Amino acid sequence: MPKIRMAMLAMAAGAAALAPATAAAKVVKQDAAGFVTRDTVTVEATPRETWMALISPAKWWNETHTWSGDPANLSITPQAGGCFCERIPEVETKGDVGLAGSVQHMAVIHAAPDKALRMRGALGPLQSEAVTGVLTIALAEVEQGTAITFEYVVGGYMRYEVPPIAQAVDGVMSQQLAGLAALLGPVGAPSEEKSPDEGADAEPADEADPAEDEADAPPKKKPSVEEAFGDLSDGA
């Protein structure tokens, strides 16, 4: 299928350039054995809202990186042994009649609702290589909403040079994370502009003593994204 080839070429040719600035993306480690990418964004949603969106990839996964050309064919079963899979619908042509196919993008190995989803699989052009990839998607409740981190660890033999494929994969991860963030509402996104007269008659708010506000304000909750990369047990 042309779309399959296009998706593979787009990823390997430098999809890193497509990553929006809303996601903090980085190849955090690379050597001859493989690489690690990490991408983070904060959204204006609760961990439960984020989790429900996360397990519905048809709503946010970019169609360029599907085998069927339509993210509506994607699904995730968020249970150990479950599948991040894609259905390839039956296609009929004048010459022959196709049959419905399917692709396993990744297998679910750990599902902790509202906290983290961990899956194993080699995405895109890495599927044809003798590599293993583990994607951990961690959710952490923060003051503004939920911080989402994608960490993808890839290792094993592949016929690609590590630096360019690591950058390309990181770009794709950032692109997918940005799609999820756009669905939920990224923190810092431009708000709707108000008309010049809107709020003109509103009474000014009472000025508060900054020192008093600081003293009464509850301590800010720090992100716990790093904890989600552990064993996720309650005693950890």
Protein backbone atom coordinates (compact mmCIF):
# COMPACT_ATOMS: atom_id res chain seq x y z
CA MET A 1 0.00 0.00 0.00
CA PRO A 2 1.36 3.45 -0.90
CA LYS A 3 0.21 4.91 2.41
CA ILE A 4 2.24 2.35 4.33
CA ARG A 5 5.37 3.24 2.41
CA MET A 6 4.64 6.96 2.79
CA ALA A 7 4.27 6.61 6.54
CA MET A 8 7.55 4.74 6.86
CA LEU A 9 9.43 7.22 4.71
CA ALA A 10 7.94 10.22 6.50
CA MET A 11 9.09 8.87 9.84
CA ALA A 12 12.58 7.88 8.75
CA ALA A 13 13.15 11.03 6.71
CA GLY A 14 12.92 13.47 9.59
CA ALA A 15 9.53 13.59 11.27
CA ALA A 16 11.24 15.35 14.14
CA ALA A 17 10.70 18.58 12.25
CA LEU A 18 6.94 18.07 12.58
CA ALA A 19 6.91 18.10 16.38
CA PRO A 20 4.96 21.12 17.70
CA ALA A 21 6.59 23.40 20.24
CA THR A 22 3.93 22.50 22.84
CA ALA A 23 5.75 19.27 23.69
CA ALA A 24 9.14 19.20 25.39
CA ALA A 25 10.96 16.58 23.31
CA LYS A 26 14.40 15.11 23.73
CA VAL A 27 16.52 12.10 22.86
CA VAL A 28 17.81 11.54 26.37
CA LYS A 29 20.21 8.71 25.54
CA GLN A 30 21.64 6.96 22.50
CA ASP A 31 24.47 4.57 21.73
CA ALA A 32 25.17 1.66 19.41
CA ALA A 33 22.70 -0.51 21.33
CA GLY A 34 19.69 1.79 20.97
CA PHE A 35 18.15 5.01 22.23
CA VAL A 36 15.66 6.59 24.63
CA THR A 37 13.30 9.45 23.81
CA ARG A 38 11.24 11.42 26.30
CA ASP A 39 8.49 13.94 25.55
CA THR A 40 6.31 15.82 28.05
CA VAL A 41 3.31 18.12 27.88
CA THR A 42 0.77 19.41 30.42
CA VAL A 43 -2.96 19.46 29.68
CA GLU A 44 -5.96 21.10 31.28
CA ALA A 45 -7.64 17.82 32.21
CA THR A 46 -7.86 15.49 35.19
CA PRO A 47 -5.89 12.23 35.21
CA ARG A 48 -9.15 10.32 34.65
CA GLU A 49 -10.09 12.47 31.65
CA THR A 50 -6.56 12.06 30.31
CA TRP A 51 -6.63 8.30 30.78
CA MET A 52 -9.93 7.92 28.94
CA ALA A 53 -8.60 9.97 26.03
CA LEU A 54 -5.30 8.07 26.02
CA ILE A 55 -6.97 4.68 25.55
CA SER A 56 -8.97 6.06 22.60
CA PRO A 57 -6.18 6.52 19.99
CA ALA A 58 -8.71 6.94 17.18
CA LYS A 59 -9.36 10.41 18.57
CA TRP A 60 -5.76 11.69 18.57
CA TRP A 61 -3.26 9.44 16.73
CA ASN A 62 -1.94 11.03 13.52
CA GLU A 63 -3.21 9.33 10.37
CA THR A 64 0.20 9.66 8.70
CA HIS A 65 1.49 6.98 11.06
CA THR A 66 -1.19 4.38 10.44
CA TRP A 67 -1.13 1.46 8.02
CA SER A 68 -4.72 1.97 6.87
CA GLY A 69 -4.54 5.75 6.53
CA ASP A 70 -7.40 6.22 9.02
CA PRO A 71 -6.93 6.49 12.82
CA ALA A 72 -10.56 5.38 13.24
CA ASN A 73 -9.23 1.85 12.76
CA LEU A 74 -7.05 2.07 15.90
CA SER A 75 -7.90 0.69 19.34
CA ILE A 76 -6.21 -0.01 22.66
CA THR A 77 -7.32 -2.70 25.11
CA PRO A 78 -5.91 -1.32 28.41
CA GLN A 79 -5.26 -4.65 30.11
CA ALA A 80 -2.11 -6.75 30.39
CA GLY A 81 -1.95 -8.80 27.21
CA GLY A 82 -4.19 -6.32 25.44
CA CYS A 83 -3.40 -4.88 22.05
CA PHE A 84 -2.76 -1.46 20.56
CA CYS A 85 -4.03 -2.67 17.21
CA GLU A 86 -5.23 -1.41 13.88
CA ARG A 87 -7.80 -2.97 11.60
CA ILE A 88 -7.10 -2.72 7.87
CA PRO A 89 -10.51 -2.78 6.20
CA GLU A 90 -11.27 -5.02 3.26
CA VAL A 91 -10.50 -3.32 -0.04
CA GLU A 92 -12.09 -4.32 -3.34
CA THR A 93 -10.54 -3.45 -6.71
CA LYS A 94 -11.31 -4.40 -10.29
CA GLY A 95 -8.50 -6.90 -10.31
CA ASP A 96 -9.08 -8.68 -7.06
CA VAL A 97 -10.98 -8.70 -3.80
CA GLY A 98 -9.02 -7.87 -0.71
CA LEU A 99 -9.49 -9.27 2.75
CA ALA A 100 -9.55 -7.36 6.02
CA GLY A 101 -6.15 -7.30 7.70
CA SER A 102 -4.73 -6.09 10.99
CA VAL A 103 -1.57 -4.76 12.59
CA GLN A 104 -0.34 -5.03 16.16
CA HIS A 105 1.45 -1.77 16.88
CA MET A 106 2.20 -2.69 20.51
CA ALA A 107 1.16 -5.11 23.26
CA VAL A 108 0.02 -3.83 26.65
CA ILE A 109 2.22 -5.09 29.48
CA HIS A 110 1.13 -2.79 32.33
CA ALA A 111 -2.04 -0.76 32.76
CA ALA A 112 -2.49 1.45 35.84
CA PRO A 113 -5.61 3.58 35.19
CA ASP A 114 -5.06 7.31 35.74
CA LYS A 115 -1.31 6.72 36.28
CA ALA A 116 0.50 4.92 33.49
CA LEU A 117 0.23 2.71 30.45
CA ARG A 118 3.21 0.63 29.38
CA MET A 119 3.34 -1.16 26.01
CA ARG A 120 5.95 -3.16 24.14
CA GLY A 121 6.43 -2.96 20.40
CA ALA A 122 8.55 -1.59 17.56
CA LEU A 123 6.63 1.23 15.89
CA GLY A 124 6.60 2.22 12.22
CA PRO A 125 9.72 1.24 10.23
CA LEU A 126 11.22 -0.33 13.37
CA GLN A 127 8.70 -3.16 13.01
CA SER A 128 10.87 -4.76 10.32
CA GLU A 129 13.97 -4.67 12.53
CA ALA A 130 15.15 -7.01 15.28
CA VAL A 131 14.54 -4.43 18.01
CA THR A 132 12.41 -4.20 21.11
CA GLY A 133 10.66 -0.98 22.08
CA VAL A 134 8.94 -0.20 25.39
CA LEU A 135 6.70 2.85 25.58
CA THR A 136 5.70 4.12 29.01
CA ILE A 137 3.04 6.80 29.08
CA ALA A 138 2.99 8.36 32.54
CA LEU A 139 0.30 10.65 33.94
CA ALA A 140 0.97 12.94 36.90
CA GLU A 141 -1.51 15.29 38.52
CA VAL A 142 -0.11 18.82 38.67
CA GLU A 143 -1.50 22.21 39.62
CA GLN A 144 -2.53 23.08 36.05
CA GLY A 145 -4.05 19.67 35.26
CA THR A 146 -2.13 16.56 34.20
CA ALA A 147 1.44 16.17 32.99
CA ILE A 148 1.79 13.49 30.32
CA THR A 149 5.15 11.94 29.54
CA PHE A 150 5.95 9.57 26.69
CA GLU A 151 9.18 7.62 27.25
CA TYR A 152 10.18 5.20 24.49
CA VAL A 153 13.14 2.87 25.02
CA VAL A 154 14.43 1.07 21.91
CA GLY A 155 17.21 -1.49 21.79
CA GLY A 156 18.48 -4.30 19.58
CA TYR A 157 19.83 -4.81 16.07
CA MET A 158 18.55 -2.51 13.33
CA ARG A 159 19.73 -1.47 9.90
CA TYR A 160 19.28 2.23 10.62
CA GLU A 161 21.96 4.55 11.92
CA VAL A 162 21.00 5.40 15.49
CA PRO A 163 21.21 9.23 15.55
CA PRO A 164 18.87 9.96 12.61
CA ILE A 165 16.31 7.28 13.48
CA ALA A 166 16.33 8.37 17.14
CA GLN A 167 15.56 11.95 16.12
CA ALA A 168 12.85 10.79 13.71
CA VAL A 169 11.19 8.56 16.31
CA ASP A 170 11.34 11.34 18.88
CA GLY A 171 9.62 13.63 16.40
CA VAL A 172 6.83 11.13 15.85
CA MET A 173 6.39 10.60 19.59
CA SER A 174 6.13 14.36 20.06
CA GLN A 175 3.64 14.59 17.22
CA GLN A 176 1.40 11.92 18.76
CA LEU A 177 1.67 13.48 22.22
CA ALA A 178 0.75 16.85 20.76
CA GLY A 179 -2.33 15.26 19.19
CA LEU A 180 -3.42 13.91 22.57
CA ALA A 181 -2.74 17.29 24.17
CA ALA A 182 -4.77 19.09 21.51
CA LEU A 183 -7.73 16.82 22.28
CA LEU A 184 -7.54 17.58 26.01
CA GLY A 185 -6.43 21.23 25.86
CA PRO A 186 -2.73 21.98 26.35
CA VAL A 187 -1.75 24.36 29.15
CA GLY A 188 -0.60 27.66 27.70
CA ALA A 189 -2.75 27.43 24.57
CA PRO A 190 -4.04 30.84 23.36
CA SER A 191 -7.38 31.74 24.89
CA GLU A 192 -10.28 33.24 22.96
CA GLU A 193 -9.87 36.97 22.43
CA LYS A 194 -12.35 39.21 24.22
CA SER A 195 -14.07 42.12 22.53
CA PRO A 196 -12.88 45.61 23.54
CA ASP A 197 -16.10 46.31 25.45
CA GLU A 198 -16.24 42.96 27.21
CA GLY A 199 -15.64 43.34 30.89
CA ALA A 200 -15.48 47.15 30.69
CA ASP A 201 -18.16 47.58 33.35
CA ALA A 202 -16.74 44.96 35.63
CA GLU A 203 -15.74 46.20 39.06
CA PRO A 204 -12.03 45.92 39.85
CA ALA A 205 -11.13 43.15 42.23
CA ASP A 206 -9.93 44.05 45.69
CA GLU A 207 -6.18 44.17 45.83
CA ALA A 208 -4.78 41.56 48.14
CA ASP A 209 -1.65 41.67 50.16
CA PRO A 210 0.87 39.46 48.25
CA ALA A 211 2.52 38.38 51.47
CA GLU A 212 -0.83 37.37 52.95
CA ASP A 213 -1.79 35.43 49.81
CA GLU A 214 1.53 33.60 49.83
CA ALA A 215 1.13 32.66 53.45
CA ASP A 216 -2.44 31.35 53.03
CA ALA A 217 -1.92 29.55 49.72
CA PRO A 218 -1.57 25.77 49.92
CA PRO A 219 1.78 24.35 48.83
CA LYS A 220 2.02 23.57 45.13
CA LYS A 221 1.86 19.91 44.29
CA LYS A 222 4.99 18.77 42.48
CA PRO A 223 4.70 16.49 39.45
CA SER A 224 5.23 12.81 40.17
CA VAL A 225 5.94 11.74 36.60
CA GLU A 226 9.21 10.06 37.56
CA GLU A 227 7.41 7.83 40.08
CA ALA A 228 5.25 6.43 37.31
CA PHE A 229 8.34 4.99 35.65
CA GLY A 230 8.94 2.76 38.66
CA ASP A 231 7.05 -0.43 39.47
CA LEU A 232 3.83 1.58 40.21
CA SER A 233 3.22 -0.31 43.44
CA ASP A 234 1.58 1.52 46.33
CA GLY A 235 4.56 0.89 48.55
CA ALA A 236 7.09 2.28 46.11
